């Protein structure tokens, strides 16, 4: 990943990290308190149900997603967003190819360490 002065992240200079299962991501900016990640989904890609201790909010930048948070499920379109409280089980099904902009607090150190992200497929 290329970081410009640790303040600017140019999408054209960042590699997409393939996560498997039709999902890839770019880490767009972070410090120890917050992280912004762009996640690209092919049609019918699945983010399997999972949970983590981070707070998360996500913006649907493109596409259509069926989002499940706990026992609630909703179809979200471009321009919509959702919030996931810490430790809440959640997952997505990409109905129309698209991009989610995810914000996590605190930073997802597991992403930076390159840990396997099993809920997107095999890395």
PDB file of N, CA and C in Angstrom:
ATOM      1  N   UNK A   1       0.847  -1.167   0.000  1.00  0.00           N
ATOM      2  CA  UNK A   1       0.000   0.000   0.000  1.00  0.00           C
ATOM      3  C   UNK A   1       0.895   1.233   0.000  1.00  0.00           C
ATOM      4  N   UNK A   2       0.553   2.204  -0.815  1.00  0.00           N
ATOM      5  CA  UNK A   2       1.304   3.456  -0.884  1.00  0.00           C
ATOM      6  C   UNK A   2       0.595   4.501  -0.045  1.00  0.00           C
ATOM      7  N   UNK A   3       1.331   5.131   0.854  1.00  0.00           N
ATOM      8  CA  UNK A   3       0.781   6.212   1.653  1.00  0.00           C
ATOM      9  C   UNK A   3       1.577   7.468   1.335  1.00  0.00           C
ATOM     10  N   UNK A   4       0.896   8.558   1.070  1.00  0.00           N
ATOM     11  CA  UNK A   4       1.558   9.818   0.777  1.00  0.00           C
ATOM     12  C   UNK A   4       1.530  10.648   2.047  1.00  0.00           C
ATOM     13  N   UNK A   5       2.676  10.808   2.683  1.00  0.00           N
ATOM     14  CA  UNK A   5       2.791  11.562   3.938  1.00  0.00           C
ATOM     15  C   UNK A   5       1.875  11.033   5.033  1.00  0.00           C
ATOM     16  N   UNK A   6       1.398   9.812   4.925  1.00  0.00           N
ATOM     17  CA  UNK A   6       0.475   9.221   5.889  1.00  0.00           C
ATOM     18  C   UNK A   6      -0.801  10.036   6.067  1.00  0.00           C
ATOM     19  N   UNK A   7      -1.048  11.011   5.222  1.00  0.00           N
ATOM     20  CA  UNK A   7      -2.246  11.832   5.300  1.00  0.00           C
ATOM     21  C   UNK A   7      -3.126  11.677   4.064  1.00  0.00           C
ATOM     22  N   UNK A   8      -2.528  11.389   2.913  1.00  0.00           N
ATOM     23  CA  UNK A   8      -3.264  11.308   1.660  1.00  0.00           C
ATOM     24  C   UNK A   8      -3.131   9.907   1.074  1.00  0.00           C
ATOM     25  N   UNK A   9      -4.259   9.359   0.624  1.00  0.00           N
ATOM     26  CA  UNK A   9      -4.297   8.017   0.036  1.00  0.00           C
ATOM     27  C   UNK A   9      -4.934   8.155  -1.342  1.00  0.00           C
ATOM     28  N   UNK A  10      -4.155   8.004  -2.397  1.00  0.00           N
ATOM     29  CA  UNK A  10      -4.631   8.174  -3.753  1.00  0.00           C
ATOM     30  C   UNK A  10      -5.115   6.834  -4.299  1.00  0.00           C
ATOM     31  N   UNK A  11      -6.419   6.764  -4.593  1.00  0.00           N
ATOM     32  CA  UNK A  11      -7.018   5.499  -5.030  1.00  0.00           C
ATOM     33  C   UNK A  11      -6.325   4.910  -6.255  1.00  0.00           C
ATOM     34  N   UNK A  12      -5.788   5.753  -7.143  1.00  0.00           N
ATOM     35  CA  UNK A  12      -5.119   5.249  -8.346  1.00  0.00           C
ATOM     36  C   UNK A  12      -3.762   4.638  -8.034  1.00  0.00           C
ATOM     37  N   UNK A  13      -3.212   4.947  -6.868  1.00  0.00           N
ATOM     38  CA  UNK A  13      -1.908   4.405  -6.481  1.00  0.00           C
ATOM     39  C   UNK A  13      -2.025   3.237  -5.507  1.00  0.00           C
ATOM     40  N   UNK A  14      -3.229   2.923  -5.085  1.00  0.00           N
ATOM     41  CA  UNK A  14      -3.435   1.835  -4.136  1.00  0.00           C
ATOM     42  C   UNK A  14      -3.834   0.557  -4.859  1.00  0.00           C
ATOM     43  N   UNK A  15      -3.235  -0.540  -4.454  1.00  0.00           N
ATOM     44  CA  UNK A  15      -3.614  -1.832  -5.013  1.00  0.00           C
ATOM     45  C   UNK A  15      -4.922  -2.296  -4.388  1.00  0.00           C
ATOM     46  N   UNK A  16      -5.708  -3.037  -5.157  1.00  0.00           N
ATOM     47  CA  UNK A  16      -6.883  -3.719  -4.616  1.00  0.00           C
ATOM     48  C   UNK A  16      -6.397  -5.026  -4.016  1.00  0.00           C
ATOM     49  N   UNK A  17      -6.775  -5.297  -2.796  1.00  0.00           N
ATOM     50  CA  UNK A  17      -6.453  -6.553  -2.133  1.00  0.00           C
ATOM     51  C   UNK A  17      -7.597  -7.524  -2.387  1.00  0.00           C
ATOM     52  N   UNK A  18      -7.303  -8.626  -3.092  1.00  0.00           N
ATOM     53  CA  UNK A  18      -8.320  -9.626  -3.401  1.00  0.00           C
ATOM     54  C   UNK A  18      -8.594 -10.456  -2.157  1.00  0.00           C
ATOM     55  N   UNK A  19      -9.858 -10.526  -1.757  1.00  0.00           N
ATOM     56  CA  UNK A  19     -10.241 -11.255  -0.555  1.00  0.00           C
ATOM     57  C   UNK A  19     -10.889 -12.593  -0.872  1.00  0.00           C
ATOM     58  N   UNK A  20     -11.175 -12.846  -2.141  1.00  0.00           N
ATOM     59  CA  UNK A  20     -11.842 -14.074  -2.545  1.00  0.00           C
ATOM     60  C   UNK A  20     -13.343 -13.886  -2.579  1.00  0.00           C
ATOM     61  N   UNK A  21     -14.015 -14.777  -3.258  1.00  0.00           N
ATOM     62  CA  UNK A  21     -15.467 -14.741  -3.307  1.00  0.00           C
ATOM     63  C   UNK A  21     -16.051 -13.536  -4.008  1.00  0.00           C
ATOM     64  N   UNK A  22     -15.287 -12.896  -4.904  1.00  0.00           N
ATOM     65  CA  UNK A  22     -15.795 -11.734  -5.629  1.00  0.00           C
ATOM     66  C   UNK A  22     -15.724 -10.437  -4.843  1.00  0.00           C
ATOM     67  N   UNK A  23     -14.823 -10.387  -3.839  1.00  0.00           N
ATOM     68  CA  UNK A  23     -14.699  -9.199  -2.994  1.00  0.00           C
ATOM     69  C   UNK A  23     -13.240  -8.752  -2.964  1.00  0.00           C
ATOM     70  N   UNK A  24     -13.018  -7.435  -3.074  1.00  0.00           N
ATOM     71  CA  UNK A  24     -11.680  -6.868  -2.931  1.00  0.00           C
ATOM     72  C   UNK A  24     -11.791  -5.541  -2.190  1.00  0.00           C
ATOM     73  N   UNK A  25     -10.674  -5.074  -1.647  1.00  0.00           N
ATOM     74  CA  UNK A  25     -10.720  -3.847  -0.851  1.00  0.00           C
ATOM     75  C   UNK A  25      -9.480  -2.992  -1.046  1.00  0.00           C
ATOM     76  N   UNK A  26      -9.654  -1.703  -0.736  1.00  0.00           N
ATOM     77  CA  UNK A  26      -8.565  -0.738  -0.635  1.00  0.00           C
ATOM     78  C   UNK A  26      -8.678  -0.071   0.727  1.00  0.00           C
ATOM     79  N   UNK A  27      -7.592  -0.074   1.479  1.00  0.00           N
ATOM     80  CA  UNK A  27      -7.571   0.663   2.743  1.00  0.00           C
ATOM     81  C   UNK A  27      -7.223   2.098   2.392  1.00  0.00           C
ATOM     82  N   UNK A  28      -8.155   3.015   2.695  1.00  0.00           N
ATOM     83  CA  UNK A  28      -8.068   4.391   2.202  1.00  0.00           C
ATOM     84  C   UNK A  28      -7.506   5.392   3.206  1.00  0.00           C
ATOM     85  N   UNK A  29      -7.473   5.056   4.470  1.00  0.00           N
ATOM     86  CA  UNK A  29      -6.928   5.964   5.473  1.00  0.00           C
ATOM     87  C   UNK A  29      -7.201   5.448   6.863  1.00  0.00           C
ATOM     88  N   UNK A  30      -6.277   5.733   7.778  1.00  0.00           N
ATOM     89  CA  UNK A  30      -6.461   5.232   9.139  1.00  0.00           C
ATOM     90  C   UNK A  30      -5.457   5.854  10.097  1.00  0.00           C
ATOM     91  N   UNK A  31      -5.818   5.785  11.364  1.00  0.00           N
ATOM     92  CA  UNK A  31      -4.892   5.943  12.474  1.00  0.00           C
ATOM     93  C   UNK A  31      -5.307   4.906  13.502  1.00  0.00           C
ATOM     94  N   UNK A  32      -4.885   5.037  14.735  1.00  0.00           N
ATOM     95  CA  UNK A  32      -5.240   3.992  15.701  1.00  0.00           C
ATOM     96  C   UNK A  32      -6.692   4.062  16.155  1.00  0.00           C
ATOM     97  N   UNK A  33      -7.409   5.149  15.837  1.00  0.00           N
ATOM     98  CA  UNK A  33      -8.783   5.329  16.295  1.00  0.00           C
ATOM     99  C   UNK A  33      -9.842   5.089  15.231  1.00  0.00           C
ATOM    100  N   UNK A  34      -9.474   5.201  13.951  1.00  0.00           N
ATOM    101  CA  UNK A  34     -10.473   5.133  12.879  1.00  0.00           C
ATOM    102  C   UNK A  34      -9.836   4.606  11.591  1.00  0.00           C
ATOM    103  N   UNK A  35     -10.657   3.963  10.753  1.00  0.00           N
ATOM    104  CA  UNK A  35     -10.169   3.423   9.487  1.00  0.00           C
ATOM    105  C   UNK A  35     -11.271   3.534   8.435  1.00  0.00           C
ATOM    106  N   UNK A  36     -10.888   3.942   7.219  1.00  0.00           N
ATOM    107  CA  UNK A  36     -11.783   4.022   6.075  1.00  0.00           C
ATOM    108  C   UNK A  36     -11.334   2.979   5.049  1.00  0.00           C
ATOM    109  N   UNK A  37     -12.288   2.133   4.612  1.00  0.00           N
ATOM    110  CA  UNK A  37     -11.977   1.044   3.679  1.00  0.00           C
ATOM    111  C   UNK A  37     -13.014   1.030   2.564  1.00  0.00           C
ATOM    112  N   UNK A  38     -12.533   0.953   1.326  1.00  0.00           N
ATOM    113  CA  UNK A  38     -13.413   0.809   0.169  1.00  0.00           C
ATOM    114  C   UNK A  38     -13.459  -0.679  -0.185  1.00  0.00           C
ATOM    115  N   UNK A  39     -14.681  -1.244  -0.264  1.00  0.00           N
ATOM    116  CA  UNK A  39     -14.833  -2.678  -0.525  1.00  0.00           C
ATOM    117  C   UNK A  39     -15.686  -2.857  -1.776  1.00  0.00           C
ATOM    118  N   UNK A  40     -15.110  -3.542  -2.771  1.00  0.00           N
ATOM    119  CA  UNK A  40     -15.778  -3.768  -4.054  1.00  0.00           C
ATOM    120  C   UNK A  40     -16.341  -5.188  -4.089  1.00  0.00           C
ATOM    121  N   UNK A  41     -17.616  -5.314  -4.472  1.00  0.00           N
ATOM    122  CA  UNK A  41     -18.314  -6.597  -4.534  1.00  0.00           C
ATOM    123  C   UNK A  41     -18.782  -6.875  -5.958  1.00  0.00           C
ATOM    124  N   UNK A  42     -18.531  -8.083  -6.446  1.00  0.00           N
ATOM    125  CA  UNK A  42     -19.157  -8.556  -7.672  1.00  0.00           C
ATOM    126  C   UNK A  42     -20.609  -8.913  -7.349  1.00  0.00           C
ATOM    127  N   UNK A  43     -21.442  -8.950  -8.378  1.00  0.00           N
ATOM    128  CA  UNK A  43     -22.835  -9.376  -8.185  1.00  0.00           C
ATOM    129  C   UNK A  43     -22.849 -10.759  -7.530  1.00  0.00           C
ATOM    130  N   UNK A  44     -23.713 -10.927  -6.550  1.00  0.00           N
ATOM    131  CA  UNK A  44     -23.914 -12.161  -5.791  1.00  0.00           C
ATOM    132  C   UNK A  44     -22.781 -12.511  -4.832  1.00  0.00           C
ATOM    133  N   UNK A  45     -21.796 -11.631  -4.661  1.00  0.00           N
ATOM    134  CA  UNK A  45     -20.766 -11.859  -3.637  1.00  0.00           C
ATOM    135  C   UNK A  45     -21.414 -11.745  -2.256  1.00  0.00           C
ATOM    136  N   UNK A  46     -20.876 -12.496  -1.328  1.00  0.00           N
ATOM    137  CA  UNK A  46     -21.444 -12.578   0.013  1.00  0.00           C
ATOM    138  C   UNK A  46     -20.391 -12.186   1.050  1.00  0.00           C
ATOM    139  N   UNK A  47     -20.788 -11.345   1.976  1.00  0.00           N
ATOM    140  CA  UNK A  47     -20.031 -11.117   3.199  1.00  0.00           C
ATOM    141  C   UNK A  47     -20.741 -11.930   4.268  1.00  0.00           C
ATOM    142  N   UNK A  48     -20.215 -13.117   4.573  1.00  0.00           N
ATOM    143  CA  UNK A  48     -20.890 -14.051   5.484  1.00  0.00           C
ATOM    144  C   UNK A  48     -21.091 -13.422   6.866  1.00  0.00           C
ATOM    145  N   UNK A  49     -22.125 -13.863   7.581  1.00  0.00           N
ATOM    146  CA  UNK A  49     -22.364 -13.326   8.922  1.00  0.00           C
ATOM    147  C   UNK A  49     -21.120 -13.451   9.810  1.00  0.00           C
ATOM    148  N   UNK A  50     -20.788 -12.358  10.473  1.00  0.00           N
ATOM    149  CA  UNK A  50     -19.617 -12.303  11.345  1.00  0.00           C
ATOM    150  C   UNK A  50     -19.818 -11.177  12.352  1.00  0.00           C
ATOM    151  N   UNK A  51     -18.916 -11.046  13.283  1.00  0.00           N
ATOM    152  CA  UNK A  51     -18.975  -9.956  14.248  1.00  0.00           C
ATOM    153  C   UNK A  51     -17.567  -9.568  14.648  1.00  0.00           C
ATOM    154  N   UNK A  52     -17.428  -8.361  15.155  1.00  0.00           N
ATOM    155  CA  UNK A  52     -16.148  -7.849  15.643  1.00  0.00           C
ATOM    156  C   UNK A  52     -16.438  -6.772  16.676  1.00  0.00           C
ATOM    157  N   UNK A  53     -15.442  -6.432  17.475  1.00  0.00           N
ATOM    158  CA  UNK A  53     -15.643  -5.470  18.558  1.00  0.00           C
ATOM    159  C   UNK A  53     -15.645  -4.015  18.086  1.00  0.00           C
ATOM    160  N   UNK A  54     -15.361  -3.789  16.825  1.00  0.00           N
ATOM    161  CA  UNK A  54     -15.308  -2.434  16.281  1.00  0.00           C
ATOM    162  C   UNK A  54     -16.710  -1.889  16.022  1.00  0.00           C
ATOM    163  N   UNK A  55     -16.894  -0.589  16.195  1.00  0.00           N
ATOM    164  CA  UNK A  55     -18.075   0.091  15.658  1.00  0.00           C
ATOM    165  C   UNK A  55     -17.851   0.219  14.160  1.00  0.00           C
ATOM    166  N   UNK A  56     -18.928   0.094  13.378  1.00  0.00           N
ATOM    167  CA  UNK A  56     -18.806   0.197  11.924  1.00  0.00           C
ATOM    168  C   UNK A  56     -19.995   0.954  11.369  1.00  0.00           C
ATOM    169  N   UNK A  57     -19.719   1.827  10.427  1.00  0.00           N
ATOM    170  CA  UNK A  57     -20.775   2.436   9.633  1.00  0.00           C
ATOM    171  C   UNK A  57     -20.347   2.313   8.178  1.00  0.00           C
ATOM    172  N   UNK A  58     -21.311   2.090   7.299  1.00  0.00           N
ATOM    173  CA  UNK A  58     -21.001   1.838   5.892  1.00  0.00           C
ATOM    174  C   UNK A  58     -21.931   2.632   4.995  1.00  0.00           C
ATOM    175  N   UNK A  59     -21.386   3.093   3.875  1.00  0.00           N
ATOM    176  CA  UNK A  59     -22.105   3.872   2.879  1.00  0.00           C
ATOM    177  C   UNK A  59     -22.113   3.085   1.578  1.00  0.00           C
ATOM    178  N   UNK A  60     -23.278   2.955   0.966  1.00  0.00           N
ATOM    179  CA  UNK A  60     -23.395   2.262  -0.318  1.00  0.00           C
ATOM    180  C   UNK A  60     -23.037   3.272  -1.413  1.00  0.00           C
ATOM    181  N   UNK A  61     -21.800   3.204  -1.904  1.00  0.00           N
ATOM    182  CA  UNK A  61     -21.326   4.142  -2.925  1.00  0.00           C
ATOM    183  C   UNK A  61     -21.837   3.756  -4.310  1.00  0.00           C
ATOM    184  N   UNK A  62     -22.091   2.463  -4.514  1.00  0.00           N
ATOM    185  CA  UNK A  62     -22.607   1.962  -5.791  1.00  0.00           C
ATOM    186  C   UNK A  62     -23.225   0.599  -5.545  1.00  0.00           C
ATOM    187  N   UNK A  63     -24.171   0.228  -6.388  1.00  0.00           N
ATOM    188  CA  UNK A  63     -24.757  -1.098  -6.330  1.00  0.00           C
ATOM    189  C   UNK A  63     -25.954  -1.201  -5.404  1.00  0.00           C
ATOM    190  N   UNK A  64     -26.351  -2.456  -5.162  1.00  0.00           N
ATOM    191  CA  UNK A  64     -27.480  -2.780  -4.295  1.00  0.00           C
ATOM    192  C   UNK A  64     -27.063  -3.924  -3.382  1.00  0.00           C
ATOM    193  N   UNK A  65     -27.350  -3.794  -2.089  1.00  0.00           N
ATOM    194  CA  UNK A  65     -26.939  -4.777  -1.096  1.00  0.00           C
ATOM    195  C   UNK A  65     -28.103  -5.150  -0.192  1.00  0.00           C
ATOM    196  N   UNK A  66     -28.235  -6.441   0.073  1.00  0.00           N
ATOM    197  CA  UNK A  66     -29.144  -6.900   1.110  1.00  0.00           C
ATOM    198  C   UNK A  66     -28.278  -7.023   2.372  1.00  0.00           C
ATOM    199  N   UNK A  67     -28.596  -6.206   3.366  1.00  0.00           N
ATOM    200  CA  UNK A  67     -27.783  -6.122   4.572  1.00  0.00           C
ATOM    201  C   UNK A  67     -28.559  -6.726   5.735  1.00  0.00           C
ATOM    202  N   UNK A  68     -27.886  -7.594   6.486  1.00  0.00           N
ATOM    203  CA  UNK A  68     -28.475  -8.195   7.681  1.00  0.00           C
ATOM    204  C   UNK A  68     -27.661  -7.752   8.885  1.00  0.00           C
ATOM    205  N   UNK A  69     -28.358  -7.185   9.871  1.00  0.00           N
ATOM    206  CA  UNK A  69     -27.734  -6.781  11.135  1.00  0.00           C
ATOM    207  C   UNK A  69     -28.580  -7.386  12.242  1.00  0.00           C
ATOM    208  N   UNK A  70     -28.001  -8.322  12.973  1.00  0.00           N
ATOM    209  CA  UNK A  70     -28.774  -9.053  13.978  1.00  0.00           C
ATOM    210  C   UNK A  70     -29.896  -9.806  13.290  1.00  0.00           C
ATOM    211  N   UNK A  71     -31.126  -9.571  13.715  1.00  0.00           N
ATOM    212  CA  UNK A  71     -32.300 -10.226  13.127  1.00  0.00           C
ATOM    213  C   UNK A  71     -32.967  -9.365  12.050  1.00  0.00           C
ATOM    214  N   UNK A  72     -32.411  -8.184  11.783  1.00  0.00           N
ATOM    215  CA  UNK A  72     -33.023  -7.261  10.819  1.00  0.00           C
ATOM    216  C   UNK A  72     -32.328  -7.351   9.475  1.00  0.00           C
ATOM    217  N   UNK A  73     -33.140  -7.282   8.400  1.00  0.00           N
ATOM    218  CA  UNK A  73     -32.625  -7.363   7.036  1.00  0.00           C
ATOM    219  C   UNK A  73     -33.265  -6.259   6.217  1.00  0.00           C
ATOM    220  N   UNK A  74     -32.456  -5.599   5.361  1.00  0.00           N
ATOM    221  CA  UNK A  74     -32.989  -4.540   4.525  1.00  0.00           C
ATOM    222  C   UNK A  74     -32.209  -4.459   3.215  1.00  0.00           C
ATOM    223  N   UNK A  75     -32.903  -4.129   2.136  1.00  0.00           N
ATOM    224  CA  UNK A  75     -32.287  -3.903   0.838  1.00  0.00           C
ATOM    225  C   UNK A  75     -31.872  -2.437   0.782  1.00  0.00           C
ATOM    226  N   UNK A  76     -30.577  -2.190   0.521  1.00  0.00           N
ATOM    227  CA  UNK A  76     -30.053  -0.826   0.473  1.00  0.00           C
ATOM    228  C   UNK A  76     -29.504  -0.517  -0.909  1.00  0.00           C
ATOM    229  N   UNK A  77     -29.782   0.687  -1.371  1.00  0.00           N
ATOM    230  CA  UNK A  77     -29.386   1.154  -2.697  1.00  0.00           C
ATOM    231  C   UNK A  77     -28.276   2.191  -2.586  1.00  0.00           C
ATOM    232  N   UNK A  78     -27.708   2.539  -3.738  1.00  0.00           N
ATOM    233  CA  UNK A  78     -26.695   3.580  -3.793  1.00  0.00           C
ATOM    234  C   UNK A  78     -27.180   4.823  -3.053  1.00  0.00           C
ATOM    235  N   UNK A  79     -26.338   5.346  -2.172  1.00  0.00           N
ATOM    236  CA  UNK A  79     -26.671   6.532  -1.388  1.00  0.00           C
ATOM    237  C   UNK A  79     -27.182   6.213   0.008  1.00  0.00           C
ATOM    238  N   UNK A  80     -27.541   4.941   0.259  1.00  0.00           N
ATOM    239  CA  UNK A  80     -27.997   4.534   1.587  1.00  0.00           C
ATOM    240  C   UNK A  80     -26.794   4.207   2.475  1.00  0.00           C
ATOM    241  N   UNK A  81     -27.054   4.039   3.760  1.00  0.00           N
ATOM    242  CA  UNK A  81     -25.987   3.682   4.690  1.00  0.00           C
ATOM    243  C   UNK A  81     -26.544   2.836   5.822  1.00  0.00           C
ATOM    244  N   UNK A  82     -25.644   2.270   6.625  1.00  0.00           N
ATOM    245  CA  UNK A  82     -26.052   1.479   7.781  1.00  0.00           C
ATOM    246  C   UNK A  82     -24.996   1.558   8.864  1.00  0.00           C
ATOM    247  N   UNK A  83     -25.429   1.279  10.098  1.00  0.00           N
ATOM    248  CA  UNK A  83     -24.558   1.294  11.273  1.00  0.00           C
ATOM    249  C   UNK A  83     -24.609  -0.075  11.938  1.00  0.00           C
ATOM    250  N   UNK A  84     -23.440  -0.564  12.357  1.00  0.00           N
ATOM    251  CA  UNK A  84     -23.342  -1.843  13.047  1.00  0.00           C
ATOM    252  C   UNK A  84     -22.697  -1.610  14.407  1.00  0.00           C
ATOM    253  N   UNK A  85     -23.451  -1.832  15.480  1.00  0.00           N
ATOM    254  CA  UNK A  85     -22.871  -1.688  16.823  1.00  0.00           C
ATOM    255  C   UNK A  85     -21.788  -2.746  17.067  1.00  0.00           C
ATOM    256  N   UNK A  86     -20.890  -2.482  17.998  1.00  0.00           N
ATOM    257  CA  UNK A  86     -19.863  -3.480  18.333  1.00  0.00           C
ATOM    258  C   UNK A  86     -20.488  -4.825  18.697  1.00  0.00           C
ATOM    259  N   UNK A  87     -19.842  -5.892  18.235  1.00  0.00           N
ATOM    260  CA  UNK A  87     -20.196  -7.282  18.543  1.00  0.00           C
ATOM    261  C   UNK A  87     -21.534  -7.746  17.977  1.00  0.00           C
ATOM    262  N   UNK A  88     -22.158  -6.967  17.095  1.00  0.00           N
ATOM    263  CA  UNK A  88     -23.424  -7.375  16.470  1.00  0.00           C
ATOM    264  C   UNK A  88     -23.125  -8.234  15.239  1.00  0.00           C
ATOM    265  N   UNK A  89     -23.790  -9.365  15.118  1.00  0.00           N
ATOM    266  CA  UNK A  89     -23.609 -10.229  13.947  1.00  0.00           C
ATOM    267  C   UNK A  89     -24.212  -9.527  12.732  1.00  0.00           C
ATOM    268  N   UNK A  90     -23.465  -9.515  11.627  1.00  0.00           N
ATOM    269  CA  UNK A  90     -23.924  -8.833  10.414  1.00  0.00           C
ATOM    270  C   UNK A  90     -23.310  -9.476   9.175  1.00  0.00           C
ATOM    271  N   UNK A  91     -23.942  -9.230   8.036  1.00  0.00           N
ATOM    272  CA  UNK A  91     -23.447  -9.744   6.774  1.00  0.00           C
ATOM    273  C   UNK A  91     -24.149  -9.042   5.622  1.00  0.00           C
ATOM    274  N   UNK A  92     -23.621  -9.224   4.410  1.00  0.00           N
ATOM    275  CA  UNK A  92     -24.223  -8.605   3.227  1.00  0.00           C
ATOM    276  C   UNK A  92     -24.264  -9.597   2.074  1.00  0.00           C
ATOM    277  N   UNK A  93     -25.244  -9.384   1.197  1.00  0.00           N
ATOM    278  CA  UNK A  93     -25.336 -10.085  -0.082  1.00  0.00           C
ATOM    279  C   UNK A  93     -25.418  -8.992  -1.140  1.00  0.00           C
ATOM    280  N   UNK A  94     -24.490  -9.007  -2.095  1.00  0.00           N
ATOM    281  CA  UNK A  94     -24.477  -7.994  -3.142  1.00  0.00           C
ATOM    282  C   UNK A  94     -25.440  -8.406  -4.254  1.00  0.00           C
ATOM    283  N   UNK A  95     -26.541  -7.688  -4.373  1.00  0.00           N
ATOM    284  CA  UNK A  95     -27.584  -7.983  -5.354  1.00  0.00           C
ATOM    285  C   UNK A  95     -27.210  -7.413  -6.729  1.00  0.00           C
ATOM    286  N   UNK A  96     -26.604  -6.243  -6.745  1.00  0.00           N
ATOM    287  CA  UNK A  96     -26.109  -5.595  -7.964  1.00  0.00           C
ATOM    288  C   UNK A  96     -24.693  -5.128  -7.655  1.00  0.00           C
ATOM    289  N   UNK A  97     -23.717  -5.498  -8.495  1.00  0.00           N
ATOM    290  CA  UNK A  97     -22.307  -5.186  -8.241  1.00  0.00           C
ATOM    291  C   UNK A  97     -22.156  -3.776  -7.698  1.00  0.00           C
ATOM    292  N   UNK A  98     -21.292  -3.636  -6.703  1.00  0.00           N
ATOM    293  CA  UNK A  98     -21.180  -2.323  -6.089  1.00  0.00           C
ATOM    294  C   UNK A  98     -19.984  -2.157  -5.179  1.00  0.00           C
ATOM    295  N   UNK A  99     -20.008  -1.023  -4.474  1.00  0.00           N
ATOM    296  CA  UNK A  99     -18.920  -0.638  -3.577  1.00  0.00           C
ATOM    297  C   UNK A  99     -19.511  -0.136  -2.274  1.00  0.00           C
ATOM    298  N   UNK A 100     -18.957  -0.640  -1.169  1.00  0.00           N
ATOM    299  CA  UNK A 100     -19.273  -0.116   0.159  1.00  0.00           C
ATOM    300  C   UNK A 100     -18.073   0.682   0.660  1.00  0.00           C
ATOM    301  N   UNK A 101     -18.339   1.788   1.309  1.00  0.00           N
ATOM    302  CA  UNK A 101     -17.315   2.555   2.004  1.00  0.00           C
ATOM    303  C   UNK A 101     -17.531   2.283   3.492  1.00  0.00           C
ATOM    304  N   UNK A 102     -16.612   1.552   4.099  1.00  0.00           N
ATOM    305  CA  UNK A 102     -16.724   1.149   5.500  1.00  0.00           C
ATOM    306  C   UNK A 102     -15.833   2.027   6.370  1.00  0.00           C
ATOM    307  N   UNK A 103     -16.366   2.423   7.514  1.00  0.00           N
ATOM    308  CA  UNK A 103     -15.597   3.156   8.513  1.00  0.00           C
ATOM    309  C   UNK A 103     -15.639   2.350   9.801  1.00  0.00           C
ATOM    310  N   UNK A 104     -14.460   2.092  10.365  1.00  0.00           N
ATOM    311  CA  UNK A 104     -14.344   1.314  11.592  1.00  0.00           C
ATOM    312  C   UNK A 104     -13.683   2.149  12.681  1.00  0.00           C
ATOM    313  N   UNK A 105     -14.106   1.912  13.909  1.00  0.00           N
ATOM    314  CA  UNK A 105     -13.436   2.493  15.065  1.00  0.00           C
ATOM    315  C   UNK A 105     -13.389   1.449  16.161  1.00  0.00           C
ATOM    316  N   UNK A 106     -12.223   1.158  16.702  1.00  0.00           N
ATOM    317  CA  UNK A 106     -10.908   1.662  16.312  1.00  0.00           C
ATOM    318  C   UNK A 106     -10.436   1.002  15.019  1.00  0.00           C
ATOM    319  N   UNK A 107      -9.196   1.266  14.643  1.00  0.00           N
ATOM    320  CA  UNK A 107      -8.609   0.713  13.431  1.00  0.00           C
ATOM    321  C   UNK A 107      -8.741  -0.820  13.421  1.00  0.00           C
ATOM    322  N   UNK A 108      -8.934  -1.392  12.231  1.00  0.00           N
ATOM    323  CA  UNK A 108      -8.952  -2.851  12.067  1.00  0.00           C
ATOM    324  C   UNK A 108      -7.504  -3.325  11.906  1.00  0.00           C
ATOM    325  N   UNK A 109      -6.839  -3.562  13.012  1.00  0.00           N
ATOM    326  CA  UNK A 109      -5.453  -4.012  12.973  1.00  0.00           C
ATOM    327  C   UNK A 109      -5.318  -5.324  12.220  1.00  0.00           C
ATOM    328  N   UNK A 110      -6.361  -6.173  12.283  1.00  0.00           N
ATOM    329  CA  UNK A 110      -6.332  -7.435  11.543  1.00  0.00           C
ATOM    330  C   UNK A 110      -6.214  -7.202  10.044  1.00  0.00           C
ATOM    331  N   UNK A 111      -6.828  -6.133   9.528  1.00  0.00           N
ATOM    332  CA  UNK A 111      -6.699  -5.807   8.104  1.00  0.00           C
ATOM    333  C   UNK A 111      -5.251  -5.422   7.785  1.00  0.00           C
ATOM    334  N   UNK A 112      -4.649  -4.617   8.634  1.00  0.00           N
ATOM    335  CA  UNK A 112      -3.279  -4.166   8.400  1.00  0.00           C
ATOM    336  C   UNK A 112      -2.280  -5.311   8.523  1.00  0.00           C
ATOM    337  N   UNK A 113      -2.576  -6.273   9.387  1.00  0.00           N
ATOM    338  CA  UNK A 113      -1.688  -7.420   9.589  1.00  0.00           C
ATOM    339  C   UNK A 113      -1.817  -8.463   8.492  1.00  0.00           C
ATOM    340  N   UNK A 114      -2.851  -8.323   7.611  1.00  0.00           N
ATOM    341  CA  UNK A 114      -3.042  -9.273   6.526  1.00  0.00           C
ATOM    342  C   UNK A 114      -3.674 -10.578   6.960  1.00  0.00           C
ATOM    343  N   UNK A 115      -4.366 -10.564   8.111  1.00  0.00           N
ATOM    344  CA  UNK A 115      -5.034 -11.779   8.580  1.00  0.00           C
ATOM    345  C   UNK A 115      -6.069 -12.242   7.564  1.00  0.00           C
ATOM    346  N   UNK A 116      -6.329 -13.530   7.535  1.00  0.00           N
ATOM    347  CA  UNK A 116      -7.321 -14.114   6.640  1.00  0.00           C
ATOM    348  C   UNK A 116      -8.696 -13.570   7.008  1.00  0.00           C
ATOM    349  N   UNK A 117      -9.425 -13.133   6.003  1.00  0.00           N
ATOM    350  CA  UNK A 117     -10.774 -12.604   6.211  1.00  0.00           C
ATOM    351  C   UNK A 117     -11.742 -13.663   5.693  1.00  0.00           C
ATOM    352  N   UNK A 118     -12.089 -14.605   6.542  1.00  0.00           N
ATOM    353  CA  UNK A 118     -12.838 -15.781   6.113  1.00  0.00           C
ATOM    354  C   UNK A 118     -14.267 -15.472   5.692  1.00  0.00           C
ATOM    355  N   UNK A 119     -14.816 -14.335   6.113  1.00  0.00           N
ATOM    356  CA  UNK A 119     -16.207 -14.050   5.770  1.00  0.00           C
ATOM    357  C   UNK A 119     -16.360 -13.517   4.350  1.00  0.00           C
ATOM    358  N   UNK A 120     -15.284 -13.340   3.613  1.00  0.00           N
ATOM    359  CA  UNK A 120     -15.363 -12.926   2.216  1.00  0.00           C
ATOM    360  C   UNK A 120     -14.917 -14.014   1.254  1.00  0.00           C
ATOM    361  N   UNK A 121     -14.422 -15.118   1.724  1.00  0.00           N
ATOM    362  CA  UNK A 121     -13.925 -16.157   0.842  1.00  0.00           C
ATOM    363  C   UNK A 121     -12.533 -16.555   1.256  1.00  0.00           C
ATOM    364  N   UNK A 122     -11.831 -17.223   0.395  1.00  0.00           N
ATOM    365  CA  UNK A 122     -10.472 -17.664   0.707  1.00  0.00           C
ATOM    366  C   UNK A 122      -9.478 -16.695   0.120  1.00  0.00           C
ATOM    367  N   UNK A 123      -8.590 -16.218   0.951  1.00  0.00           N
ATOM    368  CA  UNK A 123      -7.578 -15.246   0.542  1.00  0.00           C
ATOM    369  C   UNK A 123      -6.416 -15.946  -0.124  1.00  0.00           C
TER     370      UNK A 123
END
